[in-house]
Amino acid sequence: MFSVSGFVIIGIFLVALFWLLVIGAIVSLVVYSVKYNRQDNKKRDEIPLQILKERYARGEIDSREFQRKKKELQE
């Protein structure tokens, strides 16, 4: 007699493998997008502080104003 139990087991394994790959891909995309977004926000936050440091170095603002504006930027 013909037995299909081997094919059923292989089929179940392949379906499970497929869904594991799909879930893994989705998780990877979410992790990558969160990581990329954090790096982008960090770069955006560094630009105003860099400009403030340059203004202080050129003498356009004094130490008190530099500290006040730096504190405002970090809030």
PDB file of N, CA and C in Angstrom:
ATOM      1  N   MET A   1       0.818  -1.185   0.000  1.00  0.00           N
ATOM      2  CA  MET A   1       0.000   0.000   0.000  1.00  0.00           C
ATOM      3  C   MET A   1       0.865   1.254   0.000  1.00  0.00           C
ATOM      4  N   PHE A   2       0.353   2.337  -0.533  1.00  0.00           N
ATOM      5  CA  PHE A   2       1.072   3.593  -0.659  1.00  0.00           C
ATOM      6  C   PHE A   2       0.921   4.416   0.616  1.00  0.00           C
ATOM      7  N   SER A   3       2.040   4.864   1.176  1.00  0.00           N
ATOM      8  CA  SER A   3       2.022   5.638   2.418  1.00  0.00           C
ATOM      9  C   SER A   3       2.381   7.090   2.122  1.00  0.00           C
ATOM     10  N   VAL A   4       1.557   8.002   2.590  1.00  0.00           N
ATOM     11  CA  VAL A   4       1.810   9.426   2.365  1.00  0.00           C
ATOM     12  C   VAL A   4       2.316  10.113   3.619  1.00  0.00           C
ATOM     13  N   SER A   5       2.545   9.383   4.677  1.00  0.00           N
ATOM     14  CA  SER A   5       2.964  10.011   5.927  1.00  0.00           C
ATOM     15  C   SER A   5       4.310  10.724   5.792  1.00  0.00           C
ATOM     16  N   GLY A   6       5.191  10.196   4.973  1.00  0.00           N
ATOM     17  CA  GLY A   6       6.483  10.855   4.735  1.00  0.00           C
ATOM     18  C   GLY A   6       6.299  12.198   4.044  1.00  0.00           C
ATOM     19  N   PHE A   7       5.404  12.234   3.055  1.00  0.00           N
ATOM     20  CA  PHE A   7       5.139  13.484   2.347  1.00  0.00           C
ATOM     21  C   PHE A   7       4.465  14.509   3.264  1.00  0.00           C
ATOM     22  N   VAL A   8       3.602  14.041   4.144  1.00  0.00           N
ATOM     23  CA  VAL A   8       2.918  14.930   5.075  1.00  0.00           C
ATOM     24  C   VAL A   8       3.929  15.561   6.030  1.00  0.00           C
ATOM     25  N   ILE A   9       4.832  14.750   6.550  1.00  0.00           N
ATOM     26  CA  ILE A   9       5.849  15.269   7.474  1.00  0.00           C
ATOM     27  C   ILE A   9       6.738  16.289   6.776  1.00  0.00           C
ATOM     28  N   ILE A  10       7.159  15.987   5.561  1.00  0.00           N
ATOM     29  CA  ILE A  10       7.989  16.927   4.798  1.00  0.00           C
ATOM     30  C   ILE A  10       7.206  18.195   4.501  1.00  0.00           C
ATOM     31  N   GLY A  11       5.935  18.053   4.161  1.00  0.00           N
ATOM     32  CA  GLY A  11       5.087  19.217   3.877  1.00  0.00           C
ATOM     33  C   GLY A  11       4.924  20.106   5.097  1.00  0.00           C
ATOM     34  N   ILE A  12       4.679  19.507   6.245  1.00  0.00           N
ATOM     35  CA  ILE A  12       4.540  20.285   7.476  1.00  0.00           C
ATOM     36  C   ILE A  12       5.848  21.000   7.792  1.00  0.00           C
ATOM     37  N   PHE A  13       6.969  20.314   7.626  1.00  0.00           N
ATOM     38  CA  PHE A  13       8.278  20.920   7.869  1.00  0.00           C
ATOM     39  C   PHE A  13       8.515  22.117   6.942  1.00  0.00           C
ATOM     40  N   LEU A  14       8.197  21.960   5.664  1.00  0.00           N
ATOM     41  CA  LEU A  14       8.418  23.046   4.705  1.00  0.00           C
ATOM     42  C   LEU A  14       7.515  24.242   4.994  1.00  0.00           C
ATOM     43  N   VAL A  15       6.276  24.007   5.374  1.00  0.00           N
ATOM     44  CA  VAL A  15       5.358  25.102   5.714  1.00  0.00           C
ATOM     45  C   VAL A  15       5.860  25.831   6.951  1.00  0.00           C
ATOM     46  N   ALA A  16       6.299  25.070   7.966  1.00  0.00           N
ATOM     47  CA  ALA A  16       6.825  25.689   9.183  1.00  0.00           C
ATOM     48  C   ALA A  16       8.084  26.501   8.867  1.00  0.00           C
ATOM     49  N   LEU A  17       8.957  25.961   8.041  1.00  0.00           N
ATOM     50  CA  LEU A  17      10.174  26.668   7.643  1.00  0.00           C
ATOM     51  C   LEU A  17       9.835  27.957   6.900  1.00  0.00           C
ATOM     52  N   PHE A  18       8.863  27.889   6.012  1.00  0.00           N
ATOM     53  CA  PHE A  18       8.436  29.078   5.273  1.00  0.00           C
ATOM     54  C   PHE A  18       7.969  30.171   6.221  1.00  0.00           C
ATOM     55  N   TRP A  19       7.109  29.823   7.181  1.00  0.00           N
ATOM     56  CA  TRP A  19       6.582  30.835   8.095  1.00  0.00           C
ATOM     57  C   TRP A  19       7.661  31.365   9.036  1.00  0.00           C
ATOM     58  N   LEU A  20       8.581  30.525   9.420  1.00  0.00           N
ATOM     59  CA  LEU A  20       9.702  31.016  10.231  1.00  0.00           C
ATOM     60  C   LEU A  20      10.537  32.034   9.447  1.00  0.00           C
ATOM     61  N   LEU A  21      10.751  31.773   8.185  1.00  0.00           N
ATOM     62  CA  LEU A  21      11.494  32.716   7.343  1.00  0.00           C
ATOM     63  C   LEU A  21      10.737  34.031   7.169  1.00  0.00           C
ATOM     64  N   VAL A  22       9.431  33.947   6.975  1.00  0.00           N
ATOM     65  CA  VAL A  22       8.613  35.149   6.824  1.00  0.00           C
ATOM     66  C   VAL A  22       8.648  35.980   8.110  1.00  0.00           C
ATOM     67  N   ILE A  23       8.456  35.324   9.254  1.00  0.00           N
ATOM     68  CA  ILE A  23       8.474  36.034  10.535  1.00  0.00           C
ATOM     69  C   ILE A  23       9.860  36.618  10.792  1.00  0.00           C
ATOM     70  N   GLY A  24      10.902  35.871  10.489  1.00  0.00           N
ATOM     71  CA  GLY A  24      12.275  36.371  10.655  1.00  0.00           C
ATOM     72  C   GLY A  24      12.541  37.593   9.792  1.00  0.00           C
ATOM     73  N   ALA A  25      12.034  37.585   8.570  1.00  0.00           N
ATOM     74  CA  ALA A  25      12.222  38.733   7.687  1.00  0.00           C
ATOM     75  C   ALA A  25      11.498  39.961   8.228  1.00  0.00           C
ATOM     76  N   ILE A  26      10.293  39.773   8.735  1.00  0.00           N
ATOM     77  CA  ILE A  26       9.530  40.903   9.290  1.00  0.00           C
ATOM     78  C   ILE A  26      10.236  41.466  10.516  1.00  0.00           C
ATOM     79  N   VAL A  27      10.698  40.605  11.401  1.00  0.00           N
ATOM     80  CA  VAL A  27      11.411  41.058  12.602  1.00  0.00           C
ATOM     81  C   VAL A  27      12.689  41.806  12.201  1.00  0.00           C
ATOM     82  N   SER A  28      13.402  41.285  11.225  1.00  0.00           N
ATOM     83  CA  SER A  28      14.626  41.948  10.759  1.00  0.00           C
ATOM     84  C   SER A  28      14.336  43.332  10.205  1.00  0.00           C
ATOM     85  N   LEU A  29      13.271  43.472   9.444  1.00  0.00           N
ATOM     86  CA  LEU A  29      12.911  44.775   8.893  1.00  0.00           C
ATOM     87  C   LEU A  29      12.546  45.766   9.993  1.00  0.00           C
ATOM     88  N   VAL A  30      11.828  45.315  10.994  1.00  0.00           N
ATOM     89  CA  VAL A  30      11.452  46.197  12.097  1.00  0.00           C
ATOM     90  C   VAL A  30      12.692  46.639  12.865  1.00  0.00           C
ATOM     91  N   VAL A  31      13.578  45.709  13.181  1.00  0.00           N
ATOM     92  CA  VAL A  31      14.803  46.047  13.912  1.00  0.00           C
ATOM     93  C   VAL A  31      15.655  47.018  13.101  1.00  0.00           C
ATOM     94  N   TYR A  32      15.806  46.774  11.816  1.00  0.00           N
ATOM     95  CA  TYR A  32      16.600  47.657  10.963  1.00  0.00           C
ATOM     96  C   TYR A  32      15.999  49.050  10.894  1.00  0.00           C
ATOM     97  N   SER A  33      14.680  49.144  10.765  1.00  0.00           N
ATOM     98  CA  SER A  33      14.049  50.460  10.646  1.00  0.00           C
ATOM     99  C   SER A  33      14.158  51.237  11.953  1.00  0.00           C
ATOM    100  N   VAL A  34      14.034  50.565  13.093  1.00  0.00           N
ATOM    101  CA  VAL A  34      14.191  51.249  14.381  1.00  0.00           C
ATOM    102  C   VAL A  34      15.626  51.730  14.540  1.00  0.00           C
ATOM    103  N   LYS A  35      16.584  50.901  14.205  1.00  0.00           N
ATOM    104  CA  LYS A  35      17.999  51.269  14.321  1.00  0.00           C
ATOM    105  C   LYS A  35      18.323  52.439  13.391  1.00  0.00           C
ATOM    106  N   TYR A  36      17.842  52.393  12.161  1.00  0.00           N
ATOM    107  CA  TYR A  36      18.100  53.462  11.205  1.00  0.00           C
ATOM    108  C   TYR A  36      17.471  54.767  11.670  1.00  0.00           C
ATOM    109  N   ASN A  37      16.264  54.700  12.223  1.00  0.00           N
ATOM    110  CA  ASN A  37      15.568  55.887  12.697  1.00  0.00           C
ATOM    111  C   ASN A  37      16.326  56.518  13.858  1.00  0.00           C
ATOM    112  N   ARG A  38      16.859  55.718  14.769  1.00  0.00           N
ATOM    113  CA  ARG A  38      17.642  56.251  15.893  1.00  0.00           C
ATOM    114  C   ARG A  38      18.892  56.959  15.403  1.00  0.00           C
ATOM    115  N   GLN A  39      19.577  56.376  14.435  1.00  0.00           N
ATOM    116  CA  GLN A  39      20.790  57.001  13.908  1.00  0.00           C
ATOM    117  C   GLN A  39      20.449  58.316  13.229  1.00  0.00           C
ATOM    118  N   ASP A  40      19.333  58.352  12.503  1.00  0.00           N
ATOM    119  CA  ASP A  40      18.916  59.566  11.816  1.00  0.00           C
ATOM    120  C   ASP A  40      18.580  60.663  12.821  1.00  0.00           C
ATOM    121  N   ASN A  41      17.876  60.309  13.901  1.00  0.00           N
ATOM    122  CA  ASN A  41      17.546  61.290  14.935  1.00  0.00           C
ATOM    123  C   ASN A  41      18.795  61.790  15.633  1.00  0.00           C
ATOM    124  N   LYS A  42      19.761  60.915  15.859  1.00  0.00           N
ATOM    125  CA  LYS A  42      21.004  61.320  16.513  1.00  0.00           C
ATOM    126  C   LYS A  42      21.755  62.336  15.648  1.00  0.00           C
ATOM    127  N   LYS A  43      21.789  62.111  14.349  1.00  0.00           N
ATOM    128  CA  LYS A  43      22.464  63.047  13.451  1.00  0.00           C
ATOM    129  C   LYS A  43      21.757  64.394  13.452  1.00  0.00           C
ATOM    130  N   ARG A  44      20.416  64.372  13.463  1.00  0.00           N
ATOM    131  CA  ARG A  44      19.652  65.617  13.492  1.00  0.00           C
ATOM    132  C   ARG A  44      19.909  66.401  14.771  1.00  0.00           C
ATOM    133  N   ASP A  45      20.093  65.706  15.885  1.00  0.00           N
ATOM    134  CA  ASP A  45      20.338  66.361  17.158  1.00  0.00           C
ATOM    135  C   ASP A  45      21.751  66.932  17.241  1.00  0.00           C
ATOM    136  N   GLU A  46      22.698  66.319  16.556  1.00  0.00           N
ATOM    137  CA  GLU A  46      24.086  66.764  16.629  1.00  0.00           C
ATOM    138  C   GLU A  46      24.329  68.043  15.830  1.00  0.00           C
ATOM    139  N   ILE A  47      23.583  68.292  14.782  1.00  0.00           N
ATOM    140  CA  ILE A  47      23.828  69.442  13.917  1.00  0.00           C
ATOM    141  C   ILE A  47      23.637  70.763  14.668  1.00  0.00           C
ATOM    142  N   PRO A  48      22.531  70.991  15.382  1.00  0.00           N
ATOM    143  CA  PRO A  48      22.398  72.268  16.101  1.00  0.00           C
ATOM    144  C   PRO A  48      23.480  72.455  17.167  1.00  0.00           C
ATOM    145  N   LEU A  49      23.857  71.379  17.855  1.00  0.00           N
ATOM    146  CA  LEU A  49      24.898  71.484  18.870  1.00  0.00           C
ATOM    147  C   LEU A  49      26.237  71.823  18.231  1.00  0.00           C
ATOM    148  N   GLN A  50      26.507  71.254  17.072  1.00  0.00           N
ATOM    149  CA  GLN A  50      27.755  71.565  16.357  1.00  0.00           C
ATOM    150  C   GLN A  50      27.788  73.038  15.949  1.00  0.00           C
ATOM    151  N   ILE A  51      26.671  73.558  15.470  1.00  0.00           N
ATOM    152  CA  ILE A  51      26.597  74.976  15.096  1.00  0.00           C
ATOM    153  C   ILE A  51      26.814  75.853  16.323  1.00  0.00           C
ATOM    154  N   LEU A  52      26.217  75.469  17.442  1.00  0.00           N
ATOM    155  CA  LEU A  52      26.382  76.225  18.683  1.00  0.00           C
ATOM    156  C   LEU A  52      27.846  76.232  19.115  1.00  0.00           C
ATOM    157  N   LYS A  53      28.521  75.107  19.024  1.00  0.00           N
ATOM    158  CA  LYS A  53      29.939  75.034  19.380  1.00  0.00           C
ATOM    159  C   LYS A  53      30.784  75.920  18.470  1.00  0.00           C
ATOM    160  N   GLU A  54      30.450  75.929  17.192  1.00  0.00           N
ATOM    161  CA  GLU A  54      31.196  76.778  16.245  1.00  0.00           C
ATOM    162  C   GLU A  54      30.985  78.249  16.558  1.00  0.00           C
ATOM    163  N   ARG A  55      29.775  78.638  16.899  1.00  0.00           N
ATOM    164  CA  ARG A  55      29.503  80.037  17.254  1.00  0.00           C
ATOM    165  C   ARG A  55      30.272  80.437  18.512  1.00  0.00           C
ATOM    166  N   TYR A  56      30.339  79.527  19.468  1.00  0.00           N
ATOM    167  CA  TYR A  56      31.087  79.792  20.693  1.00  0.00           C
ATOM    168  C   TYR A  56      32.584  79.901  20.386  1.00  0.00           C
ATOM    169  N   ALA A  57      33.079  79.036  19.537  1.00  0.00           N
ATOM    170  CA  ALA A  57      34.503  79.058  19.179  1.00  0.00           C
ATOM    171  C   ALA A  57      34.871  80.337  18.428  1.00  0.00           C
ATOM    172  N   ARG A  58      33.950  80.865  17.636  1.00  0.00           N
ATOM    173  CA  ARG A  58      34.221  82.113  16.898  1.00  0.00           C
ATOM    174  C   ARG A  58      34.044  83.342  17.782  1.00  0.00           C
ATOM    175  N   GLY A  59      33.510  83.154  18.980  1.00  0.00           N
ATOM    176  CA  GLY A  59      33.324  84.276  19.894  1.00  0.00           C
ATOM    177  C   GLY A  59      32.022  85.027  19.688  1.00  0.00           C
ATOM    178  N   GLU A  60      31.104  84.467  18.943  1.00  0.00           N
ATOM    179  CA  GLU A  60      29.822  85.132  18.701  1.00  0.00           C
ATOM    180  C   GLU A  60      28.932  85.115  19.947  1.00  0.00           C
ATOM    181  N   ILE A  61      29.098  84.103  20.796  1.00  0.00           N
ATOM    182  CA  ILE A  61      28.317  84.014  22.030  1.00  0.00           C
ATOM    183  C   ILE A  61      29.274  83.770  23.193  1.00  0.00           C
ATOM    184  N   ASP A  62      28.870  84.196  24.387  1.00  0.00           N
ATOM    185  CA  ASP A  62      29.718  83.992  25.553  1.00  0.00           C
ATOM    186  C   ASP A  62      29.403  82.646  26.218  1.00  0.00           C
ATOM    187  N   SER A  63      30.158  82.351  27.271  1.00  0.00           N
ATOM    188  CA  SER A  63      30.039  81.060  27.944  1.00  0.00           C
ATOM    189  C   SER A  63      28.654  80.855  28.556  1.00  0.00           C
ATOM    190  N   ARG A  64      28.098  81.883  29.157  1.00  0.00           N
ATOM    191  CA  ARG A  64      26.785  81.756  29.787  1.00  0.00           C
ATOM    192  C   ARG A  64      25.701  81.452  28.747  1.00  0.00           C
ATOM    193  N   GLU A  65      25.741  82.176  27.630  1.00  0.00           N
ATOM    194  CA  GLU A  65      24.745  81.941  26.579  1.00  0.00           C
ATOM    195  C   GLU A  65      24.937  80.553  25.956  1.00  0.00           C
ATOM    196  N   PHE A  66      26.194  80.144  25.797  1.00  0.00           N
ATOM    197  CA  PHE A  66      26.477  78.812  25.256  1.00  0.00           C
ATOM    198  C   PHE A  66      25.864  77.728  26.152  1.00  0.00           C
ATOM    199  N   GLN A  67      26.089  77.827  27.470  1.00  0.00           N
ATOM    200  CA  GLN A  67      25.560  76.832  28.402  1.00  0.00           C
ATOM    201  C   GLN A  67      24.025  76.826  28.397  1.00  0.00           C
ATOM    202  N   ARG A  68      23.428  78.011  28.338  1.00  0.00           N
ATOM    203  CA  ARG A  68      21.964  78.109  28.336  1.00  0.00           C
ATOM    204  C   ARG A  68      21.383  77.457  27.085  1.00  0.00           C
ATOM    205  N   LYS A  69      21.958  77.772  25.941  1.00  0.00           N
ATOM    206  CA  LYS A  69      21.442  77.215  24.682  1.00  0.00           C
ATOM    207  C   LYS A  69      21.715  75.716  24.581  1.00  0.00           C
ATOM    208  N   LYS A  70      22.853  75.284  25.099  1.00  0.00           N
ATOM    209  CA  LYS A  70      23.167  73.860  25.094  1.00  0.00           C
ATOM    210  C   LYS A  70      22.140  73.103  25.933  1.00  0.00           C
ATOM    211  N   LYS A  71      21.801  73.666  27.083  1.00  0.00           N
ATOM    212  CA  LYS A  71      20.809  73.026  27.946  1.00  0.00           C
ATOM    213  C   LYS A  71      19.448  72.961  27.232  1.00  0.00           C
ATOM    214  N   GLU A  72      19.083  74.037  26.537  1.00  0.00           N
ATOM    215  CA  GLU A  72      17.818  74.042  25.794  1.00  0.00           C
ATOM    216  C   GLU A  72      17.796  72.977  24.695  1.00  0.00           C
ATOM    217  N   LEU A  73      18.928  72.803  24.035  1.00  0.00           N
ATOM    218  CA  LEU A  73      18.993  71.810  22.965  1.00  0.00           C
ATOM    219  C   LEU A  73      18.903  70.384  23.505  1.00  0.00           C
ATOM    220  N   GLN A  74      19.409  70.156  24.693  1.00  0.00           N
ATOM    221  CA  GLN A  74      19.428  68.804  25.248  1.00  0.00           C
ATOM    222  C   GLN A  74      18.102  68.420  25.892  1.00  0.00           C
ATOM    223  N   GLU A  75      17.194  69.346  26.052  1.00  0.00           N
ATOM    224  CA  GLU A  75      15.877  69.044  26.648  1.00  0.00           C
ATOM    225  C   GLU A  75      14.953  68.412  25.639  1.00  0.00           C
TER     226      GLU A  75
END
